[in-house]
Amino acid sequence: MATQTRREFALSAAAMGAASWPLAIAADDNSREQQTGVGVAPDLVLVNGRVYTVDEQQPKAEALAVKNGRFVAVGSSKQIRELVGPGTQVIDADGMTVTPGFIDAHTHPASAGVSELRKVNCDLRSIAEIKETIRARASKTPRGRWVKGFKYDDTKLRDHRPLTRADLDEVVTEHPVEVLHRGGHTAIYNSAAFAAAGVDRTMPLS
């Protein structure tokens, strides 16, 4: 199986914001309106590429045209260049491979649904908001029971810093608290959670 080079893989059509290739242009048709289906020039054209269209009737092409976020023409570089107007952005792919945008299909609908029912949604924009929503849940939770948050994302916080153990300790001391990061691989705990797990400064690192 042939391996693509990094250069070949780098250029993706994801930025085009479209999901299909609705029109291939005819080689003997020079009318811009007939070629693109619109009476004005496309917003963007890409030429000199190796375009994989995912279209069985025309699986490969050299160039494409985009108008209002949708593909309006696919064909040779010569054909697509004829569509260029004064305001059209032109990208020369210089032989690079162009593919439709890839979408990450890695999802966890079952566990996400359970989290929505049982945990605190921490998809908020400030540490103060996260603290308040955790405090509110703790006030309705029997003493000593876990309070768990999810969808926390430090990159979206106006505070420009991550949530910390100290932040959680300020609002909840009688419940162990876990706030799971949106990425699913890290979490923030309060001091009560560390105590419940028997973790303290004397615990060996290995």
N, C-alpha and C. Protein backbone atom coordinates (compact mmCIF):
# COMPACT_ATOMS: atom_id res chain seq x y z
N MET A 1 0.85 -1.20 0.00
CA MET A 1 0.00 0.00 0.00
C MET A 1 0.88 1.24 0.00
N ALA A 2 0.66 2.14 -0.92
CA ALA A 2 1.48 3.34 -1.05
C ALA A 2 1.26 4.25 0.14
N THR A 3 2.35 4.88 0.59
CA THR A 3 2.28 5.81 1.72
C THR A 3 2.36 7.24 1.22
N GLN A 4 1.41 8.07 1.65
CA GLN A 4 1.43 9.48 1.24
C GLN A 4 2.51 10.22 2.01
N THR A 5 3.16 11.17 1.34
CA THR A 5 4.11 12.01 2.03
C THR A 5 3.37 13.04 2.86
N ARG A 6 4.08 13.64 3.79
CA ARG A 6 3.48 14.69 4.62
C ARG A 6 2.98 15.84 3.77
N ARG A 7 3.74 16.15 2.71
CA ARG A 7 3.37 17.25 1.82
C ARG A 7 2.07 16.94 1.11
N GLU A 8 1.91 15.65 0.68
CA GLU A 8 0.70 15.26 -0.02
C GLU A 8 -0.52 15.31 0.89
N PHE A 9 -0.30 14.95 2.13
CA PHE A 9 -1.43 14.88 3.06
C PHE A 9 -1.84 16.24 3.60
N ALA A 10 -0.89 17.19 3.57
CA ALA A 10 -1.07 18.45 4.29
C ALA A 10 -2.26 19.28 3.84
N LEU A 11 -2.48 19.35 2.55
CA LEU A 11 -3.51 20.25 2.04
C LEU A 11 -4.86 19.57 1.99
N SER A 12 -5.78 19.98 2.80
CA SER A 12 -7.12 19.40 2.85
C SER A 12 -8.14 20.43 2.46
N ALA A 13 -9.24 19.98 1.91
CA ALA A 13 -10.31 20.89 1.52
C ALA A 13 -11.26 21.19 2.66
N ALA A 14 -10.88 20.85 3.88
CA ALA A 14 -11.76 21.12 5.02
C ALA A 14 -12.09 22.58 5.13
N ALA A 15 -11.12 23.44 4.84
CA ALA A 15 -11.35 24.87 4.96
C ALA A 15 -12.39 25.39 3.98
N MET A 16 -12.74 24.61 3.02
CA MET A 16 -13.72 25.05 2.04
C MET A 16 -15.14 25.04 2.62
N GLY A 17 -15.34 24.31 3.70
CA GLY A 17 -16.63 24.29 4.37
C GLY A 17 -17.75 23.68 3.57
N ALA A 18 -17.45 22.62 2.83
CA ALA A 18 -18.50 21.99 2.03
C ALA A 18 -18.40 20.49 2.15
N ALA A 19 -19.45 19.80 1.75
CA ALA A 19 -19.48 18.35 1.91
C ALA A 19 -19.69 17.59 0.62
N SER A 20 -19.82 18.27 -0.48
CA SER A 20 -20.08 17.54 -1.72
C SER A 20 -19.47 18.28 -2.90
N TRP A 21 -19.53 17.64 -4.06
CA TRP A 21 -18.97 18.18 -5.30
C TRP A 21 -20.10 18.22 -6.32
N PRO A 22 -20.97 19.24 -6.29
CA PRO A 22 -22.21 19.18 -7.05
C PRO A 22 -22.12 19.36 -8.55
N LEU A 23 -21.01 19.90 -9.08
CA LEU A 23 -21.02 20.18 -10.51
C LEU A 23 -19.63 20.02 -11.10
N ALA A 24 -19.50 19.21 -12.14
CA ALA A 24 -18.25 19.12 -12.89
C ALA A 24 -18.46 19.90 -14.19
N ILE A 25 -17.46 20.69 -14.59
CA ILE A 25 -17.67 21.55 -15.74
C ILE A 25 -17.27 20.87 -17.04
N ALA A 26 -17.94 21.23 -18.12
CA ALA A 26 -17.68 20.65 -19.44
C ALA A 26 -16.51 21.32 -20.11
N ALA A 27 -15.70 20.52 -20.80
CA ALA A 27 -14.47 21.05 -21.40
C ALA A 27 -14.75 22.07 -22.48
N ASP A 28 -15.89 21.99 -23.19
CA ASP A 28 -16.16 22.89 -24.30
C ASP A 28 -17.12 24.02 -23.93
N ASP A 29 -17.36 24.22 -22.63
CA ASP A 29 -18.31 25.25 -22.19
C ASP A 29 -17.55 26.38 -21.52
N ASN A 30 -17.52 27.55 -22.13
CA ASN A 30 -16.75 28.66 -21.60
C ASN A 30 -17.60 29.71 -20.89
N SER A 31 -18.88 29.45 -20.73
CA SER A 31 -19.76 30.40 -20.06
C SER A 31 -19.64 30.25 -18.56
N ARG A 32 -19.23 31.32 -17.87
CA ARG A 32 -19.06 31.26 -16.43
C ARG A 32 -20.38 30.93 -15.75
N GLU A 33 -21.47 31.50 -16.22
CA GLU A 33 -22.75 31.27 -15.57
C GLU A 33 -23.19 29.82 -15.73
N GLN A 34 -22.95 29.23 -16.92
CA GLN A 34 -23.33 27.85 -17.13
C GLN A 34 -22.39 26.90 -16.39
N GLN A 35 -21.12 27.28 -16.31
CA GLN A 35 -20.15 26.41 -15.67
C GLN A 35 -20.38 26.30 -14.17
N THR A 36 -20.67 27.38 -13.51
CA THR A 36 -20.76 27.39 -12.06
C THR A 36 -22.17 27.36 -11.54
N GLY A 37 -23.15 27.63 -12.38
CA GLY A 37 -24.52 27.69 -11.90
C GLY A 37 -24.84 29.01 -11.23
N VAL A 38 -23.90 29.94 -11.20
CA VAL A 38 -24.12 31.26 -10.63
C VAL A 38 -23.65 32.31 -11.63
N GLY A 39 -24.18 33.54 -11.53
CA GLY A 39 -23.82 34.57 -12.49
C GLY A 39 -22.64 35.40 -12.08
N VAL A 40 -22.00 35.06 -10.97
CA VAL A 40 -20.84 35.82 -10.49
C VAL A 40 -19.67 34.88 -10.28
N ALA A 41 -18.49 35.45 -10.17
CA ALA A 41 -17.28 34.65 -10.01
C ALA A 41 -17.26 33.96 -8.65
N PRO A 42 -16.61 32.82 -8.56
CA PRO A 42 -16.49 32.13 -7.27
C PRO A 42 -15.65 32.93 -6.28
N ASP A 43 -15.83 32.63 -5.00
CA ASP A 43 -15.04 33.31 -3.96
C ASP A 43 -13.62 32.79 -3.93
N LEU A 44 -13.46 31.51 -4.24
CA LEU A 44 -12.15 30.87 -4.14
C LEU A 44 -12.01 29.79 -5.19
N VAL A 45 -10.83 29.70 -5.78
CA VAL A 45 -10.53 28.56 -6.65
C VAL A 45 -9.18 27.98 -6.24
N LEU A 46 -9.05 26.70 -6.42
CA LEU A 46 -7.80 26.00 -6.17
C LEU A 46 -7.41 25.30 -7.46
N VAL A 47 -6.16 25.50 -7.89
CA VAL A 47 -5.70 24.93 -9.15
C VAL A 47 -4.41 24.14 -8.91
N ASN A 48 -4.03 23.37 -9.93
CA ASN A 48 -2.78 22.61 -9.92
C ASN A 48 -2.69 21.63 -8.74
N GLY A 49 -3.82 21.02 -8.42
CA GLY A 49 -3.81 20.04 -7.34
C GLY A 49 -4.11 18.64 -7.84
N ARG A 50 -4.06 17.70 -6.93
CA ARG A 50 -4.53 16.34 -7.19
C ARG A 50 -5.74 16.15 -6.29
N VAL A 51 -6.90 16.46 -6.83
CA VAL A 51 -8.13 16.54 -6.06
C VAL A 51 -8.84 15.20 -6.06
N TYR A 52 -9.08 14.67 -4.87
CA TYR A 52 -9.89 13.45 -4.72
C TYR A 52 -11.31 13.88 -4.37
N THR A 53 -12.23 13.68 -5.30
CA THR A 53 -13.56 14.25 -5.18
C THR A 53 -14.56 13.38 -4.41
N VAL A 54 -14.26 12.10 -4.23
CA VAL A 54 -15.20 11.13 -3.64
C VAL A 54 -16.48 11.07 -4.49
N ASP A 55 -16.32 11.27 -5.79
CA ASP A 55 -17.42 11.21 -6.75
C ASP A 55 -17.08 10.10 -7.74
N GLU A 56 -17.89 9.05 -7.79
CA GLU A 56 -17.59 7.91 -8.64
C GLU A 56 -17.52 8.29 -10.12
N GLN A 57 -18.29 9.29 -10.54
CA GLN A 57 -18.29 9.69 -11.94
C GLN A 57 -17.06 10.50 -12.31
N GLN A 58 -16.48 11.20 -11.34
CA GLN A 58 -15.26 11.97 -11.58
C GLN A 58 -14.40 11.92 -10.32
N PRO A 59 -13.71 10.80 -10.11
CA PRO A 59 -13.00 10.61 -8.84
C PRO A 59 -11.82 11.54 -8.62
N LYS A 60 -11.22 12.04 -9.72
CA LYS A 60 -10.06 12.91 -9.58
C LYS A 60 -10.20 14.13 -10.47
N ALA A 61 -9.58 15.22 -10.05
CA ALA A 61 -9.57 16.46 -10.83
C ALA A 61 -8.31 17.24 -10.48
N GLU A 62 -8.13 18.35 -11.19
CA GLU A 62 -6.97 19.21 -10.93
C GLU A 62 -7.34 20.44 -10.11
N ALA A 63 -8.60 20.85 -10.21
CA ALA A 63 -8.96 22.14 -9.62
C ALA A 63 -10.42 22.15 -9.18
N LEU A 64 -10.76 23.16 -8.40
CA LEU A 64 -12.13 23.30 -7.91
C LEU A 64 -12.44 24.78 -7.67
N ALA A 65 -13.73 25.08 -7.60
CA ALA A 65 -14.19 26.45 -7.34
C ALA A 65 -15.23 26.41 -6.22
N VAL A 66 -15.20 27.44 -5.36
CA VAL A 66 -16.10 27.51 -4.21
C VAL A 66 -16.81 28.85 -4.20
N LYS A 67 -18.13 28.82 -3.96
CA LYS A 67 -18.92 30.04 -3.85
C LYS A 67 -19.83 29.91 -2.63
N ASN A 68 -19.78 30.90 -1.74
CA ASN A 68 -20.63 30.90 -0.55
C ASN A 68 -20.49 29.62 0.26
N GLY A 69 -19.25 29.12 0.36
CA GLY A 69 -18.99 27.95 1.17
C GLY A 69 -19.36 26.62 0.55
N ARG A 70 -19.72 26.62 -0.75
CA ARG A 70 -20.10 25.37 -1.41
C ARG A 70 -19.29 25.19 -2.69
N PHE A 71 -18.97 23.94 -3.01
CA PHE A 71 -18.30 23.66 -4.26
C PHE A 71 -19.27 23.91 -5.41
N VAL A 72 -18.83 24.67 -6.40
CA VAL A 72 -19.68 24.95 -7.55
C VAL A 72 -19.11 24.42 -8.85
N ALA A 73 -17.84 24.05 -8.87
CA ALA A 73 -17.25 23.49 -10.09
C ALA A 73 -16.00 22.70 -9.75
N VAL A 74 -15.79 21.62 -10.51
CA VAL A 74 -14.59 20.79 -10.40
C VAL A 74 -14.13 20.45 -11.80
N GLY A 75 -12.85 20.58 -12.07
CA GLY A 75 -12.38 20.28 -13.41
C GLY A 75 -10.89 20.45 -13.53
N SER A 76 -10.45 20.79 -14.74
CA SER A 76 -9.03 21.02 -14.98
C SER A 76 -8.64 22.41 -14.50
N SER A 77 -7.35 22.63 -14.31
CA SER A 77 -6.88 23.95 -13.89
C SER A 77 -7.26 25.02 -14.92
N LYS A 78 -7.17 24.69 -16.21
CA LYS A 78 -7.51 25.64 -17.26
C LYS A 78 -8.99 26.03 -17.17
N GLN A 79 -9.85 25.05 -17.00
CA GLN A 79 -11.28 25.33 -16.91
C GLN A 79 -11.62 26.20 -15.70
N ILE A 80 -11.05 25.85 -14.56
CA ILE A 80 -11.38 26.59 -13.34
C ILE A 80 -10.79 28.00 -13.35
N ARG A 81 -9.62 28.17 -13.96
CA ARG A 81 -9.04 29.52 -14.05
C ARG A 81 -9.95 30.46 -14.85
N GLU A 82 -10.72 29.93 -15.80
CA GLU A 82 -11.61 30.76 -16.61
C GLU A 82 -12.75 31.36 -15.79
N LEU A 83 -12.96 30.83 -14.60
CA LEU A 83 -14.03 31.31 -13.73
C LEU A 83 -13.59 32.44 -12.81
N VAL A 84 -12.28 32.67 -12.73
CA VAL A 84 -11.73 33.63 -11.78
C VAL A 84 -12.19 35.05 -12.10
N GLY A 85 -12.64 35.77 -11.08
CA GLY A 85 -13.02 37.16 -11.22
C GLY A 85 -12.11 38.05 -10.40
N PRO A 86 -12.35 39.36 -10.38
CA PRO A 86 -11.48 40.30 -9.65
C PRO A 86 -11.37 40.00 -8.16
N GLY A 87 -12.44 39.48 -7.56
CA GLY A 87 -12.42 39.24 -6.12
C GLY A 87 -12.16 37.81 -5.72
N THR A 88 -11.81 36.96 -6.68
CA THR A 88 -11.60 35.55 -6.39
C THR A 88 -10.23 35.28 -5.79
N GLN A 89 -10.19 34.55 -4.69
CA GLN A 89 -8.92 34.12 -4.12
C GLN A 89 -8.45 32.89 -4.87
N VAL A 90 -7.21 32.89 -5.31
CA VAL A 90 -6.67 31.77 -6.08
C VAL A 90 -5.57 31.08 -5.26
N ILE A 91 -5.71 29.78 -5.08
CA ILE A 91 -4.70 28.99 -4.38
C ILE A 91 -4.06 28.04 -5.37
N ASP A 92 -2.74 28.11 -5.49
CA ASP A 92 -2.00 27.18 -6.33
C ASP A 92 -1.53 26.03 -5.45
N ALA A 93 -2.11 24.85 -5.63
CA ALA A 93 -1.77 23.70 -4.79
C ALA A 93 -0.41 23.11 -5.10
N ASP A 94 0.17 23.50 -6.23
CA ASP A 94 1.52 23.07 -6.60
C ASP A 94 1.67 21.55 -6.52
N GLY A 95 0.66 20.84 -7.02
CA GLY A 95 0.76 19.39 -7.08
C GLY A 95 0.37 18.65 -5.82
N MET A 96 0.00 19.37 -4.76
CA MET A 96 -0.36 18.69 -3.52
C MET A 96 -1.72 18.01 -3.62
N THR A 97 -1.92 17.00 -2.79
CA THR A 97 -3.17 16.25 -2.75
C THR A 97 -4.21 17.02 -1.94
N VAL A 98 -5.44 17.06 -2.47
CA VAL A 98 -6.54 17.76 -1.81
C VAL A 98 -7.66 16.76 -1.57
N THR A 99 -8.14 16.70 -0.34
CA THR A 99 -9.22 15.76 0.01
C THR A 99 -10.36 16.51 0.68
N PRO A 100 -11.54 15.93 0.71
CA PRO A 100 -12.61 16.51 1.52
C PRO A 100 -12.19 16.53 2.98
N GLY A 101 -12.79 17.41 3.78
CA GLY A 101 -12.43 17.52 5.19
C GLY A 101 -12.74 16.24 5.95
N PHE A 102 -11.82 15.84 6.81
CA PHE A 102 -12.04 14.67 7.64
C PHE A 102 -12.75 15.09 8.93
N ILE A 103 -13.68 14.27 9.39
CA ILE A 103 -14.42 14.53 10.62
C ILE A 103 -14.10 13.44 11.62
N ASP A 104 -13.74 13.83 12.84
CA ASP A 104 -13.43 12.86 13.88
C ASP A 104 -14.72 12.17 14.32
N ALA A 105 -14.83 10.88 14.05
CA ALA A 105 -16.03 10.14 14.41
C ALA A 105 -15.87 9.42 15.75
N HIS A 106 -14.84 9.78 16.52
CA HIS A 106 -14.60 9.15 17.82
C HIS A 106 -15.53 9.78 18.85
N THR A 107 -16.62 9.12 19.15
CA THR A 107 -17.59 9.67 20.10
C THR A 107 -17.97 8.62 21.14
N HIS A 108 -18.54 9.09 22.24
CA HIS A 108 -18.98 8.21 23.32
C HIS A 108 -20.41 8.60 23.70
N PRO A 109 -21.38 8.33 22.84
CA PRO A 109 -22.75 8.79 23.13
C PRO A 109 -23.34 8.23 24.40
N ALA A 110 -23.05 6.96 24.72
CA ALA A 110 -23.65 6.35 25.91
C ALA A 110 -23.15 7.02 27.18
N SER A 111 -21.83 7.09 27.32
CA SER A 111 -21.27 7.70 28.54
C SER A 111 -21.57 9.19 28.61
N ALA A 112 -21.60 9.85 27.45
CA ALA A 112 -21.92 11.28 27.43
C ALA A 112 -23.35 11.51 27.92
N GLY A 113 -24.25 10.63 27.51
CA GLY A 113 -25.63 10.76 27.95
C GLY A 113 -25.77 10.57 29.46
N VAL A 114 -25.05 9.59 30.00
CA VAL A 114 -25.07 9.37 31.44
C VAL A 114 -24.50 10.58 32.18
N SER A 115 -23.44 11.15 31.64
CA SER A 115 -22.84 12.33 32.26
C SER A 115 -23.82 13.50 32.31
N GLU A 116 -24.58 13.68 31.23
CA GLU A 116 -25.56 14.75 31.20
C GLU A 116 -26.61 14.58 32.31
N LEU A 117 -26.92 13.34 32.64
CA LEU A 117 -27.94 13.06 33.65
C LEU A 117 -27.40 13.14 35.07
N ARG A 118 -26.14 12.74 35.26
CA ARG A 118 -25.65 12.55 36.62
C ARG A 118 -24.60 13.56 37.06
N LYS A 119 -23.97 14.25 36.12
CA LYS A 119 -22.87 15.13 36.48
C LYS A 119 -23.22 16.60 36.26
N VAL A 120 -22.29 17.47 36.65
CA VAL A 120 -22.47 18.91 36.53
C VAL A 120 -21.80 19.38 35.24
N ASN A 121 -22.55 20.03 34.39
CA ASN A 121 -22.01 20.54 33.13
C ASN A 121 -21.11 21.74 33.42
N CYS A 122 -19.81 21.59 33.18
CA CYS A 122 -18.84 22.65 33.45
C CYS A 122 -18.34 23.31 32.16
N ASP A 123 -19.15 23.24 31.12
CA ASP A 123 -18.80 23.92 29.86
C ASP A 123 -19.15 25.40 30.03
N LEU A 124 -18.36 26.07 30.86
CA LEU A 124 -18.60 27.46 31.24
C LEU A 124 -17.38 28.30 30.90
N ARG A 125 -17.51 29.62 31.04
CA ARG A 125 -16.45 30.50 30.54
C ARG A 125 -15.64 31.20 31.63
N SER A 126 -15.86 30.85 32.88
CA SER A 126 -15.05 31.42 33.94
C SER A 126 -14.95 30.44 35.10
N ILE A 127 -13.88 30.55 35.87
CA ILE A 127 -13.69 29.71 37.04
C ILE A 127 -14.78 29.99 38.06
N ALA A 128 -15.19 31.24 38.17
CA ALA A 128 -16.25 31.60 39.12
C ALA A 128 -17.54 30.86 38.80
N GLU A 129 -17.88 30.76 37.52
CA GLU A 129 -19.11 30.06 37.12
C GLU A 129 -19.01 28.56 37.43
N ILE A 130 -17.84 27.99 37.19
CA ILE A 130 -17.65 26.57 37.48
C ILE A 130 -17.77 26.33 38.99
N LYS A 131 -17.15 27.18 39.77
CA LYS A 131 -17.22 27.04 41.22
C LYS A 131 -18.66 27.13 41.72
N GLU A 132 -19.41 28.05 41.17
CA GLU A 132 -20.79 28.23 41.61
C GLU A 132 -21.66 27.03 41.26
N THR A 133 -21.47 26.49 40.07
CA THR A 133 -22.30 25.33 39.68
C THR A 133 -21.93 24.09 40.48
N ILE A 134 -20.65 23.95 40.83
CA ILE A 134 -20.22 22.84 41.69
C ILE A 134 -20.76 23.03 43.10
N ARG A 135 -20.70 24.25 43.62
CA ARG A 135 -21.23 24.55 44.96
C ARG A 135 -22.72 24.26 45.04
N ALA A 136 -23.45 24.67 43.98
CA ALA A 136 -24.89 24.45 43.97
C ALA A 136 -25.23 22.96 43.99
N ARG A 137 -24.50 22.13 43.24
CA ARG A 137 -24.76 20.70 43.25
C ARG A 137 -24.41 20.10 44.61
N ALA A 138 -23.31 20.55 45.20
CA ALA A 138 -22.90 20.03 46.50
C ALA A 138 -23.94 20.32 47.57
N SER A 139 -24.60 21.48 47.46
CA SER A 139 -25.61 21.85 48.46
C SER A 139 -26.82 20.93 48.42
N LYS A 140 -26.99 20.20 47.32
CA LYS A 140 -28.13 19.28 47.17
C LYS A 140 -27.69 17.82 47.28
N THR A 141 -26.42 17.60 47.59
CA THR A 141 -25.86 16.24 47.64
C THR A 141 -25.60 15.83 49.08
N PRO A 142 -26.00 14.64 49.47
CA PRO A 142 -25.72 14.18 50.83
C PRO A 142 -24.23 14.30 51.18
N ARG A 143 -23.96 14.69 52.38
CA ARG A 143 -22.58 14.90 52.83
C ARG A 143 -21.73 13.66 52.60
N GLY A 144 -20.55 13.87 52.06
CA GLY A 144 -19.62 12.78 51.81
C GLY A 144 -19.75 12.11 50.46
N ARG A 145 -20.85 12.38 49.76
CA ARG A 145 -21.04 11.78 48.42
C ARG A 145 -20.27 12.59 47.38
N TRP A 146 -19.88 11.92 46.30
CA TRP A 146 -19.10 12.58 45.25
C TRP A 146 -19.94 13.60 44.49
N VAL A 147 -19.29 14.70 44.14
CA VAL A 147 -19.83 15.69 43.21
C VAL A 147 -18.91 15.67 41.99
N LYS A 148 -19.47 15.38 40.83
CA LYS A 148 -18.64 15.23 39.63
C LYS A 148 -19.09 16.19 38.53
N GLY A 149 -18.11 16.89 37.96
CA GLY A 149 -18.37 17.77 36.84
C GLY A 149 -17.71 17.22 35.58
N PHE A 150 -18.17 17.69 34.42
CA PHE A 150 -17.58 17.24 33.15
C PHE A 150 -17.65 18.37 32.13
N LYS A 151 -16.95 18.17 31.03
CA LYS A 151 -16.85 19.13 29.92
C LYS A 151 -16.11 20.42 30.29
N TYR A 152 -15.33 20.38 31.35
CA TYR A 152 -14.47 21.53 31.69
C TYR A 152 -13.40 21.70 30.61
N ASP A 153 -13.19 22.93 30.17
CA ASP A 153 -12.19 23.20 29.13
C ASP A 153 -11.44 24.49 29.47
N ASP A 154 -10.21 24.35 29.94
CA ASP A 154 -9.43 25.51 30.37
C ASP A 154 -9.14 26.48 29.23
N THR A 155 -9.13 26.01 27.98
CA THR A 155 -8.82 26.89 26.85
C THR A 155 -9.94 27.88 26.57
N LYS A 156 -11.12 27.66 27.15
CA LYS A 156 -12.25 28.55 26.91
C LYS A 156 -12.49 29.54 28.06
N LEU A 157 -11.67 29.47 29.09
CA LEU A 157 -11.88 30.31 30.27
C LEU A 157 -11.37 31.73 30.07
N ARG A 158 -12.15 32.69 30.49
CA ARG A 158 -11.71 34.09 30.44
C ARG A 158 -10.59 34.36 31.44
N ASP A 159 -10.44 33.49 32.42
CA ASP A 159 -9.42 33.68 33.46
C ASP A 159 -8.00 33.48 32.94
N HIS A 160 -7.86 32.80 31.82
CA HIS A 160 -6.55 32.51 31.22
C HIS A 160 -5.67 31.71 32.18
N ARG A 161 -6.29 30.84 32.95
CA ARG A 161 -5.57 29.91 33.80
C ARG A 161 -6.47 28.70 34.04
N PRO A 162 -5.89 27.57 34.41
CA PRO A 162 -6.71 26.38 34.64
C PRO A 162 -7.37 26.40 36.01
N LEU A 163 -8.41 25.61 36.15
CA LEU A 163 -9.04 25.36 37.43
C LEU A 163 -8.06 24.61 38.33
N THR A 164 -8.09 24.87 39.65
CA THR A 164 -7.15 24.22 40.56
C THR A 164 -7.88 23.58 41.74
N ARG A 165 -7.14 22.78 42.49
CA ARG A 165 -7.66 22.19 43.72
C ARG A 165 -8.11 23.27 44.68
N ALA A 166 -7.33 24.33 44.78
CA ALA A 166 -7.67 25.42 45.69
C ALA A 166 -9.01 26.06 45.33
N ASP A 167 -9.28 26.18 44.04
CA ASP A 167 -10.56 26.75 43.61
C ASP A 167 -11.72 25.90 44.12
N LEU A 168 -11.59 24.59 43.99
CA LEU A 168 -12.66 23.69 44.43
C LEU A 168 -12.78 23.68 45.95
N ASP A 169 -11.62 23.77 46.65
CA ASP A 169 -11.65 23.79 48.11
C ASP A 169 -12.37 25.02 48.65
N GLU A 170 -12.38 26.10 47.89
CA GLU A 170 -13.04 27.33 48.34
C GLU A 170 -14.55 27.16 48.43
N VAL A 171 -15.11 26.25 47.64
CA VAL A 171 -16.57 26.14 47.59
C VAL A 171 -17.11 24.82 48.13
N VAL A 172 -16.26 23.77 48.16
CA VAL A 172 -16.74 22.46 48.65
C VAL A 172 -15.65 21.83 49.51
N THR A 173 -16.01 21.54 50.77
CA THR A 173 -15.06 20.90 51.68
C THR A 173 -15.58 19.58 52.23
N GLU A 174 -16.87 19.35 52.18
CA GLU A 174 -17.46 18.16 52.80
C GLU A 174 -17.87 17.10 51.78
N HIS A 175 -17.49 17.32 50.54
CA HIS A 175 -17.75 16.34 49.48
C HIS A 175 -16.48 16.18 48.65
N PRO A 176 -16.15 14.96 48.25
CA PRO A 176 -15.08 14.82 47.26
C PRO A 176 -15.59 15.32 45.91
N VAL A 177 -14.76 16.07 45.20
CA VAL A 177 -15.15 16.67 43.93
C VAL A 177 -14.17 16.27 42.83
N GLU A 178 -14.74 15.92 41.68
CA GLU A 178 -13.95 15.65 40.48
C GLU A 178 -14.53 16.49 39.35
N VAL A 179 -13.66 17.23 38.65
CA VAL A 179 -14.08 17.97 37.46
C VAL A 179 -13.26 17.45 36.29
N LEU A 180 -13.91 16.71 35.43
CA LEU A 180 -13.23 16.06 34.31
C LEU A 180 -13.06 17.02 33.14
N HIS A 181 -11.85 17.05 32.60
CA HIS A 181 -11.57 17.90 31.43
C HIS A 181 -12.30 17.36 30.21
N ARG A 182 -12.64 18.25 29.29
CA ARG A 182 -13.34 17.85 28.06
C ARG A 182 -12.57 16.76 27.30
N GLY A 183 -11.26 16.80 27.35
CA GLY A 183 -10.46 15.80 26.65
C GLY A 183 -10.60 14.40 27.21
N GLY A 184 -11.07 14.29 28.45
CA GLY A 184 -11.31 12.99 29.04
C GLY A 184 -10.11 12.31 29.66
N HIS A 185 -8.94 12.95 29.63
CA HIS A 185 -7.73 12.32 30.12
C HIS A 185 -7.15 12.99 31.37
N THR A 186 -7.71 14.10 31.79
CA THR A 186 -7.26 14.77 33.01
C THR A 186 -8.47 15.23 33.81
N ALA A 187 -8.27 15.42 35.10
CA ALA A 187 -9.35 15.88 35.96
C ALA A 187 -8.76 16.69 37.11
N ILE A 188 -9.59 17.57 37.70
CA ILE A 188 -9.20 18.37 38.85
C ILE A 188 -9.97 17.84 40.05
N TYR A 189 -9.27 17.65 41.18
CA TYR A 189 -9.90 17.14 42.40
C TYR A 189 -9.70 18.12 43.55
N ASN A 190 -10.63 18.12 44.49
CA ASN A 190 -10.45 18.93 45.68
C ASN A 190 -9.73 18.12 46.76
N SER A 191 -9.44 18.76 47.88
CA SER A 191 -8.68 18.09 48.94
C SER A 191 -9.45 16.92 49.53
N ALA A 192 -10.78 17.05 49.62
CA ALA A 192 -11.59 15.97 50.16
C ALA A 192 -11.49 14.72 49.29
N ALA A 193 -11.35 14.88 47.99
CA ALA A 193 -11.20 13.74 47.09
C ALA A 193 -9.87 13.05 47.31
N PHE A 194 -8.80 13.85 47.49
CA PHE A 194 -7.49 13.25 47.75
C PHE A 194 -7.51 12.50 49.09
N ALA A 195 -8.17 13.08 50.08
CA ALA A 195 -8.26 12.42 51.38
C ALA A 195 -9.03 11.11 51.28
N ALA A 196 -10.12 11.12 50.51
CA ALA A 196 -10.92 9.90 50.34
C ALA A 196 -10.11 8.80 49.66
N ALA A 197 -9.18 9.19 48.80
CA ALA A 197 -8.34 8.22 48.10
C ALA A 197 -7.09 7.87 48.88
N GLY A 198 -6.89 8.49 50.04
CA GLY A 198 -5.71 8.22 50.85
C GLY A 198 -4.44 8.79 50.27
N VAL A 199 -4.58 9.85 49.48
CA VAL A 199 -3.42 10.48 48.85
C VAL A 199 -3.02 11.72 49.66
N ASP A 200 -1.76 11.75 50.11
CA ASP A 200 -1.24 12.94 50.78
C ASP A 200 0.23 13.11 50.41
N ARG A 201 0.88 14.08 51.04
CA ARG A 201 2.27 14.39 50.68
C ARG A 201 3.25 13.29 51.07
N THR A 202 2.84 12.39 51.92
CA THR A 202 3.76 11.31 52.35
C THR A 202 3.68 10.11 51.41
N MET A 203 2.77 10.12 50.49
CA MET A 203 2.59 8.99 49.60
C MET A 203 3.77 8.88 48.63
N PRO A 204 4.39 7.71 48.51
CA PRO A 204 5.53 7.54 47.58
C PRO A 204 5.08 7.73 46.13
N LEU A 205 5.95 8.23 45.29
CA LEU A 205 5.64 8.48 43.89
C LEU A 205 5.71 7.23 43.04
N SER A 206 6.31 6.19 43.52
CA SER A 206 6.42 4.95 42.73
C SER A 206 5.99 3.75 43.56
